[in-house]
Amino acid sequence: MRLRHCLAILLLVLVTASANGVAADAGQTVETEEGIAYALPDGWSLQWFSKSNGSTMFIHKPSGANLLVSRRGIAGKKPDPHGNKLPLANGRTLEWQYSTVEMPGSYTRHFLVGRMSFPDAHIEMSVTRDDMKSRVPEKIGLPAMRQIAQTVSVTGPRRCWGSDCKLGVVKDNK
């Protein structure tokens, strides 16, 4: 059920987001209106910031993969754990797994999903391909999620929800 909720949010974000053409380079820090910051993953480009909820979409142009990164609150039932746990150098753990959802039109949508948990927020990541039908190779999606999980920090409370979100920012690490 939670995956369906995440998919509904993903579709809402895709429909309401605008491509704002923010130039960014790997290693720069992305800060969002959701109150999170993390390094832009190597090999990925920033596609847009959502004006409806502050999340961020990245694209891996060579593979046609898209990576959605968003913050989720901790209120309510604890999310179901993902099947795989990847210990990180900073002592954190990235939970991840492949998921599928049957879509209207008789096809299956494949997702590589990941989660990092903090005391005050969950950081959710979801990787799909442009064609939405083929599975994202682990060697493309998992390193990006690992890099985000190793660098992410909660910088404060969520600052927006709905149509009041400002665009996030990209900062040099100099």
N, C-alpha and C. Protein backbone atom coordinates (compact mmCIF):
# COMPACT_ATOMS: atom_id res chain seq x y z
N MET A 1 0.82 -1.19 0.00
CA MET A 1 0.00 0.00 0.00
C MET A 1 0.87 1.26 0.00
N ARG A 2 1.95 1.25 0.79
CA ARG A 2 2.83 2.43 0.85
C ARG A 2 3.45 2.70 -0.51
N LEU A 3 3.80 1.63 -1.26
CA LEU A 3 4.38 1.83 -2.57
C LEU A 3 3.38 2.53 -3.48
N ARG A 4 2.12 2.16 -3.39
CA ARG A 4 1.10 2.83 -4.19
C ARG A 4 0.99 4.31 -3.81
N HIS A 5 1.10 4.60 -2.51
CA HIS A 5 1.08 5.99 -2.05
C HIS A 5 2.28 6.75 -2.64
N CYS A 6 3.45 6.12 -2.61
CA CYS A 6 4.65 6.75 -3.17
C CYS A 6 4.49 6.98 -4.67
N LEU A 7 3.88 6.01 -5.35
CA LEU A 7 3.66 6.16 -6.79
C LEU A 7 2.70 7.30 -7.08
N ALA A 8 1.67 7.43 -6.26
CA ALA A 8 0.73 8.54 -6.45
C ALA A 8 1.44 9.87 -6.28
N ILE A 9 2.33 9.95 -5.30
CA ILE A 9 3.09 11.19 -5.10
C ILE A 9 4.02 11.41 -6.29
N LEU A 10 4.67 10.34 -6.77
CA LEU A 10 5.56 10.47 -7.92
C LEU A 10 4.80 11.00 -9.13
N LEU A 11 3.62 10.45 -9.39
CA LEU A 11 2.84 10.91 -10.53
C LEU A 11 2.41 12.36 -10.35
N LEU A 12 2.02 12.74 -9.12
CA LEU A 12 1.66 14.12 -8.84
C LEU A 12 2.84 15.04 -9.10
N VAL A 13 4.01 14.63 -8.64
CA VAL A 13 5.22 15.43 -8.84
C VAL A 13 5.52 15.57 -10.33
N LEU A 14 5.42 14.46 -11.07
CA LEU A 14 5.71 14.52 -12.49
C LEU A 14 4.75 15.44 -13.23
N VAL A 15 3.50 15.43 -12.82
CA VAL A 15 2.50 16.26 -13.48
C VAL A 15 2.67 17.73 -13.12
N THR A 16 3.03 18.03 -11.87
CA THR A 16 3.05 19.42 -11.43
C THR A 16 4.42 20.06 -11.49
N ALA A 17 5.45 19.29 -11.79
CA ALA A 17 6.80 19.86 -11.81
C ALA A 17 7.05 20.63 -13.09
N SER A 18 7.94 21.57 -12.99
CA SER A 18 8.36 22.29 -14.19
C SER A 18 9.83 22.04 -14.40
N ALA A 19 10.21 21.88 -15.64
CA ALA A 19 11.63 21.73 -15.95
C ALA A 19 12.24 23.12 -15.85
N ASN A 20 13.06 23.32 -14.83
CA ASN A 20 13.58 24.66 -14.63
C ASN A 20 15.02 24.80 -15.05
N GLY A 21 15.58 23.79 -15.69
CA GLY A 21 16.88 23.93 -16.32
C GLY A 21 18.00 24.40 -15.42
N VAL A 22 18.06 23.92 -14.19
CA VAL A 22 19.11 24.32 -13.28
C VAL A 22 20.39 23.59 -13.67
N ALA A 23 21.44 24.35 -13.93
CA ALA A 23 22.72 23.73 -14.26
C ALA A 23 23.39 23.27 -12.97
N ALA A 24 23.91 22.07 -12.98
CA ALA A 24 24.56 21.54 -11.78
C ALA A 24 25.62 20.54 -12.20
N ASP A 25 26.64 20.42 -11.39
CA ASP A 25 27.72 19.47 -11.64
C ASP A 25 27.81 18.49 -10.49
N ALA A 26 28.28 17.28 -10.81
CA ALA A 26 28.45 16.26 -9.77
C ALA A 26 29.29 16.81 -8.64
N GLY A 27 28.91 16.47 -7.43
CA GLY A 27 29.63 16.92 -6.25
C GLY A 27 29.10 18.20 -5.65
N GLN A 28 28.32 18.97 -6.42
CA GLN A 28 27.71 20.15 -5.84
C GLN A 28 26.64 19.71 -4.85
N THR A 29 26.26 20.61 -3.95
CA THR A 29 25.25 20.29 -2.94
C THR A 29 23.89 20.80 -3.38
N VAL A 30 22.90 19.93 -3.32
CA VAL A 30 21.52 20.27 -3.64
C VAL A 30 20.80 20.53 -2.32
N GLU A 31 20.13 21.68 -2.20
CA GLU A 31 19.33 21.99 -1.02
C GLU A 31 17.90 22.22 -1.47
N THR A 32 16.96 21.56 -0.80
CA THR A 32 15.56 21.63 -1.22
C THR A 32 14.69 22.35 -0.20
N GLU A 33 13.51 22.70 -0.63
CA GLU A 33 12.52 23.31 0.25
C GLU A 33 11.96 22.30 1.25
N GLU A 34 12.31 21.04 1.07
CA GLU A 34 11.89 20.01 2.02
C GLU A 34 12.76 20.00 3.27
N GLY A 35 13.81 20.83 3.28
CA GLY A 35 14.70 20.88 4.43
C GLY A 35 15.72 19.76 4.44
N ILE A 36 16.18 19.36 3.25
CA ILE A 36 17.26 18.37 3.15
C ILE A 36 18.33 18.89 2.19
N ALA A 37 19.54 18.39 2.36
CA ALA A 37 20.66 18.75 1.48
C ALA A 37 21.51 17.50 1.27
N TYR A 38 22.07 17.36 0.06
CA TYR A 38 22.90 16.20 -0.27
C TYR A 38 23.71 16.50 -1.52
N ALA A 39 24.74 15.69 -1.77
CA ALA A 39 25.58 15.86 -2.95
C ALA A 39 24.86 15.38 -4.20
N LEU A 40 25.01 16.12 -5.28
CA LEU A 40 24.49 15.69 -6.58
C LEU A 40 25.27 14.44 -6.98
N PRO A 41 24.59 13.34 -7.28
CA PRO A 41 25.30 12.09 -7.59
C PRO A 41 26.12 12.19 -8.87
N ASP A 42 27.27 11.51 -8.87
CA ASP A 42 28.13 11.47 -10.05
C ASP A 42 27.38 10.85 -11.23
N GLY A 43 27.52 11.47 -12.40
CA GLY A 43 26.90 10.95 -13.62
C GLY A 43 25.44 11.33 -13.81
N TRP A 44 24.86 12.05 -12.87
CA TRP A 44 23.46 12.45 -12.93
C TRP A 44 23.36 13.96 -13.10
N SER A 45 22.29 14.42 -13.74
CA SER A 45 22.03 15.84 -13.91
C SER A 45 20.74 16.20 -13.20
N LEU A 46 20.70 17.39 -12.66
CA LEU A 46 19.48 17.88 -12.04
C LEU A 46 18.48 18.20 -13.13
N GLN A 47 17.31 17.57 -13.07
CA GLN A 47 16.28 17.80 -14.07
C GLN A 47 15.33 18.90 -13.62
N TRP A 48 14.82 18.82 -12.37
CA TRP A 48 13.94 19.86 -11.84
C TRP A 48 13.73 19.73 -10.35
N PHE A 49 13.26 20.83 -9.79
CA PHE A 49 12.74 20.86 -8.42
C PHE A 49 11.22 20.94 -8.56
N SER A 50 10.50 20.20 -7.75
CA SER A 50 9.04 20.24 -7.78
C SER A 50 8.53 21.48 -7.07
N LYS A 51 7.61 22.16 -7.72
CA LYS A 51 6.96 23.31 -7.08
C LYS A 51 5.81 22.88 -6.19
N SER A 52 5.40 21.60 -6.29
CA SER A 52 4.27 21.15 -5.48
C SER A 52 4.67 20.57 -4.13
N ASN A 53 5.92 20.04 -4.02
CA ASN A 53 6.31 19.48 -2.72
C ASN A 53 7.79 19.64 -2.39
N GLY A 54 8.56 20.25 -3.25
CA GLY A 54 9.96 20.52 -2.96
C GLY A 54 10.92 19.39 -3.29
N SER A 55 10.43 18.27 -3.80
CA SER A 55 11.32 17.15 -4.13
C SER A 55 12.18 17.48 -5.34
N THR A 56 13.10 16.58 -5.66
CA THR A 56 14.05 16.81 -6.74
C THR A 56 14.07 15.61 -7.67
N MET A 57 14.16 15.88 -8.98
CA MET A 57 14.28 14.82 -9.98
C MET A 57 15.62 14.99 -10.70
N PHE A 58 16.33 13.86 -10.82
CA PHE A 58 17.60 13.82 -11.54
C PHE A 58 17.44 12.91 -12.74
N ILE A 59 18.31 13.09 -13.73
CA ILE A 59 18.30 12.22 -14.91
C ILE A 59 19.71 11.70 -15.17
N HIS A 60 19.78 10.43 -15.55
CA HIS A 60 21.02 9.80 -15.98
C HIS A 60 20.86 9.60 -17.48
N LYS A 61 21.32 10.58 -18.25
CA LYS A 61 21.05 10.61 -19.69
C LYS A 61 21.51 9.37 -20.45
N PRO A 62 22.69 8.81 -20.18
CA PRO A 62 23.11 7.64 -20.96
C PRO A 62 22.16 6.44 -20.84
N SER A 63 21.53 6.27 -19.68
CA SER A 63 20.67 5.10 -19.47
C SER A 63 19.18 5.41 -19.58
N GLY A 64 18.82 6.70 -19.56
CA GLY A 64 17.41 7.05 -19.55
C GLY A 64 16.75 6.82 -18.20
N ALA A 65 17.53 6.80 -17.14
CA ALA A 65 16.98 6.59 -15.80
C ALA A 65 16.68 7.93 -15.13
N ASN A 66 15.64 7.95 -14.31
CA ASN A 66 15.25 9.13 -13.53
C ASN A 66 15.29 8.76 -12.06
N LEU A 67 15.77 9.69 -11.23
CA LEU A 67 15.88 9.48 -9.79
C LEU A 67 15.12 10.58 -9.07
N LEU A 68 14.10 10.20 -8.32
CA LEU A 68 13.32 11.13 -7.52
C LEU A 68 13.79 11.02 -6.07
N VAL A 69 14.10 12.17 -5.46
CA VAL A 69 14.53 12.21 -4.06
C VAL A 69 13.55 13.10 -3.31
N SER A 70 12.98 12.58 -2.22
CA SER A 70 12.01 13.37 -1.46
C SER A 70 12.11 13.04 0.03
N ARG A 71 11.59 13.95 0.81
CA ARG A 71 11.55 13.79 2.27
C ARG A 71 10.16 13.35 2.67
N ARG A 72 10.10 12.44 3.64
CA ARG A 72 8.82 12.00 4.18
C ARG A 72 8.87 12.10 5.69
N GLY A 73 7.79 12.47 6.28
CA GLY A 73 7.74 12.59 7.73
C GLY A 73 7.78 11.25 8.43
N ILE A 74 7.94 11.29 9.73
CA ILE A 74 8.01 10.05 10.50
C ILE A 74 6.73 9.75 11.26
N ALA A 75 5.75 10.64 11.16
CA ALA A 75 4.48 10.43 11.86
C ALA A 75 3.77 9.21 11.28
N GLY A 76 2.99 8.56 12.10
CA GLY A 76 2.21 7.43 11.64
C GLY A 76 2.98 6.13 11.70
N LYS A 77 2.46 5.14 10.99
CA LYS A 77 3.04 3.80 10.99
C LYS A 77 4.43 3.83 10.35
N LYS A 78 5.34 3.10 10.95
CA LYS A 78 6.69 2.99 10.41
C LYS A 78 6.61 2.30 9.05
N PRO A 79 7.33 2.80 8.04
CA PRO A 79 7.26 2.17 6.72
C PRO A 79 7.82 0.75 6.75
N ASP A 80 7.28 -0.09 5.89
CA ASP A 80 7.79 -1.45 5.77
C ASP A 80 9.26 -1.39 5.34
N PRO A 81 10.11 -2.23 5.94
CA PRO A 81 11.52 -2.20 5.55
C PRO A 81 11.71 -2.71 4.13
N HIS A 82 12.71 -2.19 3.46
CA HIS A 82 13.08 -2.70 2.14
C HIS A 82 13.93 -3.95 2.35
N GLY A 83 13.94 -4.82 1.36
CA GLY A 83 14.56 -6.14 1.50
C GLY A 83 16.07 -6.17 1.68
N ASN A 84 16.78 -5.16 1.18
CA ASN A 84 18.24 -5.16 1.25
C ASN A 84 18.72 -4.02 2.13
N LYS A 85 19.77 -4.26 2.86
CA LYS A 85 20.36 -3.23 3.72
C LYS A 85 21.83 -3.08 3.35
N LEU A 86 22.22 -1.86 3.02
CA LEU A 86 23.59 -1.57 2.62
C LEU A 86 24.23 -0.68 3.67
N PRO A 87 25.16 -1.22 4.48
CA PRO A 87 25.85 -0.39 5.47
C PRO A 87 26.76 0.61 4.75
N LEU A 88 26.78 1.84 5.23
CA LEU A 88 27.58 2.89 4.62
C LEU A 88 28.75 3.26 5.53
N ALA A 89 29.75 3.89 4.95
CA ALA A 89 30.97 4.24 5.68
C ALA A 89 30.70 5.17 6.86
N ASN A 90 29.66 5.98 6.77
CA ASN A 90 29.36 6.95 7.84
C ASN A 90 28.51 6.34 8.96
N GLY A 91 28.32 5.03 8.95
CA GLY A 91 27.54 4.37 9.99
C GLY A 91 26.05 4.29 9.70
N ARG A 92 25.60 4.92 8.64
CA ARG A 92 24.19 4.86 8.25
C ARG A 92 23.92 3.57 7.48
N THR A 93 22.65 3.31 7.24
CA THR A 93 22.24 2.16 6.44
C THR A 93 21.26 2.61 5.38
N LEU A 94 21.51 2.21 4.15
CA LEU A 94 20.60 2.45 3.04
C LEU A 94 19.78 1.19 2.84
N GLU A 95 18.47 1.29 2.99
CA GLU A 95 17.57 0.17 2.68
C GLU A 95 17.16 0.32 1.22
N TRP A 96 17.12 -0.78 0.46
CA TRP A 96 16.72 -0.70 -0.94
C TRP A 96 16.13 -2.02 -1.42
N GLN A 97 15.40 -1.93 -2.52
CA GLN A 97 14.84 -3.12 -3.15
C GLN A 97 14.26 -2.74 -4.50
N TYR A 98 14.01 -3.77 -5.31
CA TYR A 98 13.26 -3.57 -6.56
C TYR A 98 11.79 -3.75 -6.25
N SER A 99 10.95 -2.94 -6.88
CA SER A 99 9.51 -3.03 -6.73
C SER A 99 8.87 -2.91 -8.10
N THR A 100 7.70 -3.48 -8.24
CA THR A 100 6.94 -3.35 -9.48
C THR A 100 5.50 -2.98 -9.16
N VAL A 101 4.89 -2.31 -10.10
CA VAL A 101 3.49 -1.94 -9.98
C VAL A 101 2.82 -2.17 -11.32
N GLU A 102 1.69 -2.85 -11.30
CA GLU A 102 0.92 -3.04 -12.52
C GLU A 102 0.23 -1.73 -12.87
N MET A 103 0.45 -1.26 -14.09
CA MET A 103 -0.10 0.03 -14.53
C MET A 103 -1.23 -0.20 -15.52
N PRO A 104 -2.15 0.77 -15.62
CA PRO A 104 -3.19 0.68 -16.65
C PRO A 104 -2.52 0.60 -18.02
N GLY A 105 -3.09 -0.16 -18.91
CA GLY A 105 -2.49 -0.32 -20.23
C GLY A 105 -1.67 -1.59 -20.32
N SER A 106 -1.82 -2.46 -19.35
CA SER A 106 -1.21 -3.79 -19.36
C SER A 106 0.31 -3.79 -19.40
N TYR A 107 0.94 -2.96 -18.59
CA TYR A 107 2.38 -3.08 -18.45
C TYR A 107 2.76 -2.92 -16.98
N THR A 108 3.95 -3.36 -16.68
CA THR A 108 4.46 -3.30 -15.32
C THR A 108 5.51 -2.21 -15.23
N ARG A 109 5.40 -1.36 -14.23
CA ARG A 109 6.39 -0.30 -14.02
C ARG A 109 7.38 -0.79 -12.98
N HIS A 110 8.66 -0.68 -13.30
CA HIS A 110 9.73 -1.16 -12.43
C HIS A 110 10.37 0.00 -11.69
N PHE A 111 10.64 -0.19 -10.41
CA PHE A 111 11.26 0.82 -9.55
C PHE A 111 12.41 0.19 -8.78
N LEU A 112 13.46 0.96 -8.62
CA LEU A 112 14.50 0.65 -7.65
C LEU A 112 14.30 1.69 -6.56
N VAL A 113 13.91 1.26 -5.37
CA VAL A 113 13.57 2.20 -4.31
C VAL A 113 14.56 2.09 -3.16
N GLY A 114 14.80 3.22 -2.50
CA GLY A 114 15.71 3.25 -1.37
C GLY A 114 15.22 4.20 -0.30
N ARG A 115 15.72 3.99 0.92
CA ARG A 115 15.30 4.84 2.04
C ARG A 115 16.45 4.99 3.03
N MET A 116 16.59 6.21 3.52
CA MET A 116 17.50 6.54 4.63
C MET A 116 16.62 7.10 5.72
N SER A 117 16.80 6.67 6.94
CA SER A 117 15.96 7.17 8.03
C SER A 117 16.78 7.98 9.03
N PHE A 118 16.19 9.09 9.45
CA PHE A 118 16.72 9.96 10.49
C PHE A 118 15.68 10.01 11.60
N PRO A 119 16.03 10.51 12.78
CA PRO A 119 15.03 10.61 13.85
C PRO A 119 13.83 11.48 13.48
N ASP A 120 14.02 12.47 12.60
CA ASP A 120 12.92 13.38 12.28
C ASP A 120 12.46 13.33 10.82
N ALA A 121 12.96 12.40 10.02
CA ALA A 121 12.54 12.32 8.62
C ALA A 121 13.05 11.04 7.96
N HIS A 122 12.35 10.62 6.92
CA HIS A 122 12.81 9.56 6.03
C HIS A 122 13.17 10.23 4.71
N ILE A 123 14.26 9.83 4.10
CA ILE A 123 14.62 10.29 2.77
C ILE A 123 14.32 9.13 1.83
N GLU A 124 13.39 9.36 0.91
CA GLU A 124 12.94 8.32 -0.02
C GLU A 124 13.53 8.59 -1.40
N MET A 125 13.98 7.52 -2.06
CA MET A 125 14.53 7.63 -3.41
C MET A 125 13.87 6.57 -4.29
N SER A 126 13.61 6.93 -5.53
CA SER A 126 12.98 6.02 -6.46
C SER A 126 13.59 6.22 -7.84
N VAL A 127 14.10 5.14 -8.44
CA VAL A 127 14.71 5.21 -9.76
C VAL A 127 13.86 4.42 -10.74
N THR A 128 13.54 5.05 -11.87
CA THR A 128 12.81 4.40 -12.96
C THR A 128 13.53 4.73 -14.26
N ARG A 129 13.11 4.07 -15.33
CA ARG A 129 13.66 4.39 -16.66
C ARG A 129 12.65 5.21 -17.42
N ASP A 130 13.14 5.96 -18.41
CA ASP A 130 12.26 6.80 -19.22
C ASP A 130 11.12 6.00 -19.83
N ASP A 131 11.41 4.78 -20.30
CA ASP A 131 10.34 3.99 -20.92
C ASP A 131 9.39 3.41 -19.89
N MET A 132 9.72 3.52 -18.60
CA MET A 132 8.90 3.10 -17.47
C MET A 132 8.59 1.61 -17.46
N LYS A 133 9.12 0.84 -18.41
CA LYS A 133 8.77 -0.57 -18.48
C LYS A 133 9.95 -1.49 -18.17
N SER A 134 11.16 -1.01 -18.34
CA SER A 134 12.31 -1.89 -18.10
C SER A 134 12.96 -1.59 -16.76
N ARG A 135 13.61 -2.58 -16.24
CA ARG A 135 14.23 -2.49 -14.91
C ARG A 135 15.51 -1.66 -14.96
N VAL A 136 15.70 -0.80 -13.98
CA VAL A 136 16.92 0.00 -13.87
C VAL A 136 18.04 -0.91 -13.38
N PRO A 137 19.17 -0.94 -14.09
CA PRO A 137 20.27 -1.77 -13.60
C PRO A 137 20.76 -1.28 -12.24
N GLU A 138 21.04 -2.22 -11.37
CA GLU A 138 21.53 -1.91 -10.03
C GLU A 138 22.79 -1.05 -10.10
N LYS A 139 23.65 -1.30 -11.10
CA LYS A 139 24.92 -0.57 -11.21
C LYS A 139 24.72 0.90 -11.56
N ILE A 140 23.53 1.29 -11.98
CA ILE A 140 23.23 2.70 -12.27
C ILE A 140 22.53 3.35 -11.09
N GLY A 141 21.48 2.74 -10.59
CA GLY A 141 20.68 3.36 -9.54
C GLY A 141 21.27 3.29 -8.15
N LEU A 142 21.85 2.16 -7.79
CA LEU A 142 22.33 1.98 -6.42
C LEU A 142 23.50 2.90 -6.06
N PRO A 143 24.49 3.11 -6.94
CA PRO A 143 25.56 4.06 -6.58
C PRO A 143 25.05 5.48 -6.34
N ALA A 144 24.07 5.91 -7.12
CA ALA A 144 23.51 7.25 -6.92
C ALA A 144 22.80 7.34 -5.57
N MET A 145 22.00 6.32 -5.25
CA MET A 145 21.32 6.32 -3.96
C MET A 145 22.33 6.24 -2.81
N ARG A 146 23.39 5.46 -2.99
CA ARG A 146 24.43 5.35 -1.96
C ARG A 146 25.09 6.71 -1.73
N GLN A 147 25.42 7.42 -2.82
CA GLN A 147 26.07 8.72 -2.69
C GLN A 147 25.17 9.72 -1.96
N ILE A 148 23.89 9.72 -2.29
CA ILE A 148 22.95 10.61 -1.60
C ILE A 148 22.86 10.22 -0.13
N ALA A 149 22.70 8.93 0.14
CA ALA A 149 22.56 8.46 1.53
C ALA A 149 23.78 8.80 2.38
N GLN A 150 24.96 8.79 1.78
CA GLN A 150 26.18 9.09 2.53
C GLN A 150 26.32 10.58 2.82
N THR A 151 25.67 11.43 2.03
CA THR A 151 25.88 12.87 2.18
C THR A 151 24.66 13.63 2.67
N VAL A 152 23.50 12.99 2.73
CA VAL A 152 22.27 13.72 3.05
C VAL A 152 22.26 14.19 4.50
N SER A 153 21.68 15.36 4.69
CA SER A 153 21.45 15.88 6.04
C SER A 153 20.09 16.57 6.07
N VAL A 154 19.46 16.51 7.22
CA VAL A 154 18.21 17.23 7.43
C VAL A 154 18.61 18.61 7.93
N THR A 155 18.28 19.64 7.14
CA THR A 155 18.73 21.00 7.46
C THR A 155 17.71 21.81 8.22
N GLY A 156 16.52 21.25 8.39
CA GLY A 156 15.48 21.96 9.11
C GLY A 156 14.12 21.38 8.76
N PRO A 157 13.05 22.05 9.18
CA PRO A 157 11.71 21.55 8.88
C PRO A 157 11.37 21.73 7.41
N ARG A 158 10.39 20.94 6.97
CA ARG A 158 9.86 21.12 5.61
C ARG A 158 9.30 22.54 5.53
N ARG A 159 9.68 23.26 4.48
CA ARG A 159 9.27 24.66 4.37
C ARG A 159 8.09 24.89 3.44
N CYS A 160 7.58 23.83 2.82
CA CYS A 160 6.45 24.04 1.91
C CYS A 160 5.71 22.74 1.67
N TRP A 161 4.50 22.87 1.18
CA TRP A 161 3.71 21.75 0.67
C TRP A 161 2.57 22.35 -0.12
N GLY A 162 2.30 21.79 -1.26
CA GLY A 162 1.28 22.35 -2.13
C GLY A 162 1.93 23.21 -3.19
N SER A 163 1.29 24.26 -3.59
CA SER A 163 1.82 25.09 -4.68
C SER A 163 2.71 26.22 -4.20
N ASP A 164 3.07 26.23 -2.91
CA ASP A 164 3.86 27.34 -2.38
C ASP A 164 5.36 27.07 -2.34
N CYS A 165 5.84 25.99 -2.95
CA CYS A 165 7.26 25.66 -2.89
C CYS A 165 8.08 26.55 -3.81
N LYS A 166 9.18 27.04 -3.26
CA LYS A 166 10.16 27.73 -4.08
C LYS A 166 11.10 26.67 -4.62
N LEU A 167 11.87 27.04 -5.62
CA LEU A 167 12.82 26.09 -6.18
C LEU A 167 13.97 25.88 -5.21
N GLY A 168 14.51 24.69 -5.20
CA GLY A 168 15.70 24.42 -4.40
C GLY A 168 16.89 25.15 -4.98
N VAL A 169 18.04 24.97 -4.37
CA VAL A 169 19.26 25.62 -4.84
C VAL A 169 20.38 24.60 -4.97
N VAL A 170 21.35 24.94 -5.81
CA VAL A 170 22.54 24.13 -5.98
C VAL A 170 23.72 24.99 -5.57
N LYS A 171 24.55 24.47 -4.68
CA LYS A 171 25.68 25.24 -4.16
C LYS A 171 26.99 24.52 -4.45
N ASP A 172 28.02 25.32 -4.72
CA ASP A 172 29.37 24.77 -4.87
C ASP A 172 29.88 24.34 -3.51
N ASN A 173 30.70 23.34 -3.49
CA ASN A 173 31.27 22.86 -2.24
C ASN A 173 32.61 23.51 -1.93
N LYS A 174 32.82 24.70 -2.43
CA LYS A 174 34.09 25.40 -2.23
C LYS A 174 34.02 26.31 -1.05
